[in-house]
Amino acid sequence: MASRSTRLGLQFTQPHRRVLSSKDVSTQSRRNASSAALIRGSRPRLESSKLAPLAAAPPSSTSTPSSFFTPSLCRTRNASTSTDPPQTSSSVLDWNAFFRLRQSRRRYALTSSIITSVVSTGSAITAFSELPELADQITRLVPTDPVISMGIATFGATFFGWLIGPAFGNSLWKLLHRSRLPEFTIKERAFFERIKKHRVNPTGASTNNPVPDFYGEKIASVAGYRNWLKDQRAFNRKRGGNYSSTV
């Protein structure tokens, strides 16, 4: 009898424990759900009126934030645009650029000489034809045939215009190249120092051995300068003098 009673007691107690355990689980799940709902309710939510301006006008930030999804190329490009570009070597005046500027200055001077000589010649001819008194004064100064006197005066006016032409041409060239003018002046000073140092002594010149470009006016490039040095050596070899090395 005792064993049967104990079995019956165990049978009654086991379902009761199972029911209690399921009740505990249900209450625990309810607590978790209520706590999650409280956390969601406690989080601050942005109103629709606040979200609209943000969507319409995104934050103006020039730099892209670095993240795992941002490519490194984009980050490098943004960093390069924010900084100033470094100065390249092309902005520095080298010797070839110096010789090109020197040639352009010579062209400006030559063109202005041609223009001023033509203008002065035309002005002289117009003045001689329109003012007879001026032509008479010239014939008194040069007591020869009037045609020869007018020709000499016209040639003098042409020569005067040719001489004053480079002044206008150089002024215009300096005005157009004023950004490179300080560097050009430094290079030109150094170039003339080299010419003075390496040019030959013209005392030994002759018809068979003329002086090869004493002022270096025909030099138009670095290769032309090297050829000029070779010509100086050849002149000294023909003359039989000593020539110091230019290396």
Protein backbone atom coordinates (compact mmCIF):
# COMPACT_ATOMS: atom_id res chain seq x y z
CA MET A 1 0.00 0.00 0.00
CA ALA A 2 2.76 2.36 0.86
CA SER A 3 4.45 1.83 -2.47
CA ARG A 4 1.21 2.45 -4.37
CA SER A 5 0.60 5.67 -2.49
CA THR A 6 4.06 6.92 -3.25
CA ARG A 7 3.64 6.11 -6.97
CA LEU A 8 0.35 7.98 -7.08
CA GLY A 9 1.94 10.92 -5.32
CA LEU A 10 4.75 11.02 -7.85
CA GLN A 11 2.28 10.87 -10.73
CA PHE A 12 0.34 13.85 -9.30
CA THR A 13 3.43 15.91 -8.52
CA GLN A 14 5.19 15.51 -11.91
CA PRO A 15 2.40 17.06 -14.05
CA HIS A 16 2.11 19.87 -11.52
CA ARG A 17 5.84 20.62 -11.89
CA ARG A 18 5.54 20.60 -15.65
CA VAL A 19 2.67 23.04 -15.53
CA LEU A 20 4.60 25.27 -13.18
CA SER A 21 7.63 25.23 -15.44
CA SER A 22 5.56 26.21 -18.50
CA LYS A 23 3.95 29.01 -16.49
CA ASP A 24 7.37 30.28 -15.49
CA VAL A 25 8.49 30.31 -19.12
CA SER A 26 5.41 32.22 -20.23
CA THR A 27 5.84 34.85 -17.50
CA GLN A 28 9.54 35.22 -18.38
CA SER A 29 8.75 35.75 -22.06
CA ARG A 30 6.10 38.32 -21.14
CA ARG A 31 8.65 40.20 -19.03
CA ASN A 32 11.15 40.22 -21.90
CA ALA A 33 8.54 41.50 -24.35
CA SER A 34 7.47 44.25 -21.99
CA SER A 35 11.08 45.33 -21.41
CA ALA A 36 11.73 45.45 -25.17
CA ALA A 37 8.61 47.56 -25.65
CA LEU A 38 9.78 49.93 -22.93
CA ILE A 39 13.22 50.30 -24.57
CA ARG A 40 11.65 51.09 -27.93
CA GLY A 41 9.36 53.64 -26.35
CA SER A 42 12.17 55.28 -24.45
CA ARG A 43 14.31 55.85 -27.61
CA PRO A 44 13.99 59.41 -29.05
CA ARG A 45 12.34 59.55 -32.43
CA LEU A 46 12.90 62.32 -34.96
CA GLU A 47 9.76 63.97 -36.15
CA SER A 48 8.87 64.02 -39.81
CA SER A 49 9.27 67.82 -39.84
CA LYS A 50 12.87 67.41 -38.75
CA LEU A 51 13.65 64.65 -41.22
CA ALA A 52 12.38 66.63 -44.21
CA PRO A 53 15.04 69.40 -44.09
CA LEU A 54 17.75 66.81 -43.62
CA ALA A 55 16.62 64.91 -46.69
CA ALA A 56 16.29 68.11 -48.72
CA ALA A 57 19.66 69.59 -47.71
CA PRO A 58 22.28 66.98 -46.79
CA PRO A 59 25.16 68.11 -44.62
CA SER A 60 27.75 70.01 -46.62
CA SER A 61 30.97 68.26 -45.80
CA THR A 62 33.78 68.38 -48.29
CA SER A 63 35.63 65.39 -46.91
CA THR A 64 34.16 61.88 -47.20
CA PRO A 65 34.33 59.95 -43.89
CA SER A 66 36.63 57.00 -44.12
CA SER A 67 34.82 53.74 -43.57
CA PHE A 68 35.06 50.13 -44.66
CA PHE A 69 32.71 50.72 -47.58
CA THR A 70 34.42 53.92 -48.84
CA PRO A 71 37.04 53.20 -51.55
CA SER A 72 40.54 54.40 -50.83
CA LEU A 73 40.67 56.11 -54.23
CA CYS A 74 37.76 58.39 -53.32
CA ARG A 75 39.35 59.29 -50.02
CA THR A 76 42.63 60.10 -51.74
CA ARG A 77 40.86 62.24 -54.35
CA ASN A 78 39.02 64.25 -51.71
CA ALA A 79 42.25 64.79 -49.79
CA SER A 80 44.05 65.93 -52.94
CA THR A 81 41.33 68.44 -53.86
CA SER A 82 41.37 69.97 -50.39
CA THR A 83 45.09 70.71 -50.55
CA ASP A 84 46.88 73.01 -52.98
CA PRO A 85 48.62 71.29 -55.90
CA PRO A 86 52.41 71.21 -55.57
CA GLN A 87 54.50 73.32 -57.89
CA THR A 88 55.80 71.31 -60.80
CA SER A 89 59.20 71.62 -62.34
CA SER A 90 57.66 73.14 -65.48
CA SER A 91 56.98 76.41 -63.63
CA VAL A 92 60.76 76.94 -63.15
CA LEU A 93 62.50 78.70 -66.05
CA ASP A 94 65.04 76.31 -67.53
CA TRP A 95 67.69 77.13 -70.12
CA ASN A 96 65.65 76.02 -73.14
CA ALA A 97 62.74 78.19 -72.02
CA PHE A 98 65.20 81.05 -71.49
CA PHE A 99 66.49 80.75 -75.05
CA ARG A 100 62.92 80.66 -76.41
CA LEU A 101 62.08 83.85 -74.51
CA ARG A 102 65.30 85.42 -75.78
CA GLN A 103 64.34 84.61 -79.36
CA SER A 104 60.84 86.01 -78.88
CA ARG A 105 62.31 89.24 -77.51
CA ARG A 106 64.54 89.51 -80.57
CA ARG A 107 61.53 89.01 -82.85
CA TYR A 108 59.62 91.74 -81.02
CA ALA A 109 62.58 94.12 -81.43
CA LEU A 110 63.00 93.27 -85.12
CA THR A 111 59.30 93.68 -85.87
CA SER A 112 59.11 97.01 -84.08
CA SER A 113 62.23 98.23 -85.93
CA ILE A 114 60.64 97.41 -89.27
CA ILE A 115 57.41 99.17 -88.32
CA THR A 116 59.10 102.31 -86.99
CA SER A 117 61.43 102.55 -89.98
CA VAL A 118 58.50 102.33 -92.39
CA VAL A 119 56.57 104.93 -90.40
CA SER A 120 59.53 107.30 -90.22
CA THR A 121 60.25 106.92 -93.94
CA GLY A 122 56.65 107.63 -94.87
CA SER A 123 56.55 110.60 -92.53
CA ALA A 124 59.74 112.04 -94.04
CA ILE A 125 58.48 111.68 -97.62
CA THR A 126 55.13 113.23 -96.68
CA ALA A 127 56.85 116.13 -94.90
CA PHE A 128 59.19 116.83 -97.83
CA SER A 129 56.31 116.84 -100.32
CA GLU A 130 53.92 118.89 -98.20
CA LEU A 131 56.42 121.41 -96.80
CA PRO A 132 58.66 122.98 -99.47
CA GLU A 133 60.38 125.15 -96.87
CA LEU A 134 61.68 122.01 -95.16
CA ALA A 135 63.04 120.67 -98.45
CA ASP A 136 64.78 124.01 -99.11
CA GLN A 137 66.44 123.93 -95.71
CA ILE A 138 67.72 120.40 -96.38
CA THR A 139 69.18 121.45 -99.73
CA ARG A 140 70.95 124.31 -98.00
CA LEU A 141 72.40 121.94 -95.39
CA VAL A 142 73.47 119.43 -98.07
CA PRO A 143 74.56 121.59 -101.07
CA THR A 144 74.18 118.93 -103.75
CA ASP A 145 71.50 117.88 -106.15
CA PRO A 146 68.01 118.16 -104.51
CA VAL A 147 67.23 114.51 -105.31
CA ILE A 148 70.40 113.36 -103.56
CA SER A 149 69.68 115.68 -100.62
CA MET A 150 66.14 114.32 -100.26
CA GLY A 151 67.47 110.74 -100.55
CA ILE A 152 70.01 111.31 -97.79
CA ALA A 153 67.39 112.90 -95.54
CA THR A 154 64.95 110.05 -96.20
CA PHE A 155 67.62 107.45 -95.48
CA GLY A 156 68.46 109.28 -92.23
CA ALA A 157 64.79 109.17 -91.20
CA THR A 158 64.63 105.45 -92.00
CA PHE A 159 67.79 104.75 -90.02
CA PHE A 160 66.47 106.74 -87.07
CA GLY A 161 63.23 104.72 -87.08
CA TRP A 162 65.24 101.47 -87.21
CA LEU A 163 67.26 102.54 -84.17
CA ILE A 164 64.32 103.53 -81.98
CA GLY A 165 62.29 100.42 -82.91
CA PRO A 166 63.82 98.00 -80.34
CA ALA A 167 62.93 100.37 -77.51
CA PHE A 168 59.23 99.95 -78.29
CA GLY A 169 59.56 96.23 -78.97
CA ASN A 170 61.42 95.47 -75.74
CA SER A 171 58.95 97.51 -73.72
CA LEU A 172 56.04 95.59 -75.20
CA TRP A 173 57.82 92.26 -74.62
CA LYS A 174 58.51 93.10 -70.98
CA LEU A 175 54.88 94.07 -70.50
CA LEU A 176 53.64 90.77 -71.92
CA HIS A 177 56.19 88.61 -70.06
CA ARG A 178 56.32 90.47 -66.77
CA SER A 179 55.58 87.29 -64.76
CA ARG A 180 58.80 85.64 -66.04
CA LEU A 181 60.89 88.80 -66.17
CA PRO A 182 62.77 88.36 -62.81
CA GLU A 183 63.80 84.79 -63.64
CA PHE A 184 64.71 85.80 -67.17
CA THR A 185 66.93 88.60 -65.90
CA ILE A 186 68.79 86.23 -63.57
CA LYS A 187 69.28 83.68 -66.35
CA GLU A 188 70.44 86.34 -68.78
CA ARG A 189 73.03 87.62 -66.31
CA ALA A 190 74.35 84.09 -65.77
CA PHE A 191 74.39 83.48 -69.52
CA PHE A 192 76.46 86.59 -70.22
CA GLU A 193 78.88 85.60 -67.46
CA ARG A 194 79.40 82.27 -69.22
CA ILE A 195 79.89 84.02 -72.56
CA LYS A 196 82.52 86.36 -71.08
CA LYS A 197 84.29 83.45 -69.43
CA HIS A 198 84.51 81.10 -72.41
CA ARG A 199 84.72 83.35 -75.47
CA VAL A 200 87.99 83.74 -77.32
CA ASN A 201 90.42 86.61 -77.39
CA PRO A 202 89.67 88.45 -80.67
CA THR A 203 93.17 89.86 -81.03
CA GLY A 204 94.32 86.83 -83.02
CA ALA A 205 91.46 87.01 -85.54
CA SER A 206 92.10 87.12 -89.27
CA THR A 207 90.22 86.66 -92.51
CA ASN A 208 91.02 82.94 -92.45
CA ASN A 209 90.14 82.63 -88.78
CA PRO A 210 87.27 85.02 -87.89
CA VAL A 211 85.86 85.39 -84.40
CA PRO A 212 82.97 82.91 -83.96
CA ASP A 213 79.96 84.85 -82.59
CA PHE A 214 81.77 86.99 -80.00
CA TYR A 215 78.59 88.06 -78.15
CA GLY A 216 76.71 84.76 -78.45
CA GLU A 217 73.79 86.30 -80.31
CA LYS A 218 73.23 83.26 -82.53
CA ILE A 219 72.79 80.86 -79.62
CA ALA A 220 69.18 79.68 -79.57
CA SER A 221 69.28 76.49 -77.48
CA VAL A 222 71.47 74.40 -75.22
CA ALA A 223 72.72 72.46 -78.24
CA GLY A 224 73.58 75.77 -79.90
CA TYR A 225 75.59 76.78 -76.82
CA ARG A 226 77.59 73.54 -77.03
CA ASN A 227 78.29 74.18 -80.71
CA TRP A 228 79.38 77.70 -79.77
CA LEU A 229 81.89 76.23 -77.29
CA LYS A 230 83.22 73.92 -80.01
CA ASP A 231 83.68 76.91 -82.31
CA GLN A 232 85.65 78.72 -79.61
CA ARG A 233 87.96 75.70 -79.22
CA ALA A 234 88.44 75.47 -82.97
CA PHE A 235 89.36 79.17 -83.14
CA ASN A 236 91.97 78.73 -80.41
CA ARG A 237 93.41 75.66 -82.09
CA LYS A 238 93.82 77.56 -85.35
CA ARG A 239 95.36 80.49 -83.54
CA GLY A 240 97.72 78.22 -81.63
CA GLY A 241 96.75 79.59 -78.22
CA ASN A 242 95.77 77.84 -75.02
CA TYR A 243 92.10 77.25 -74.22
CA SER A 244 90.93 76.41 -70.74
CA SER A 245 88.50 73.52 -70.33
CA THR A 246 84.85 74.49 -70.01
CA VAL A 247 83.70 71.32 -68.27
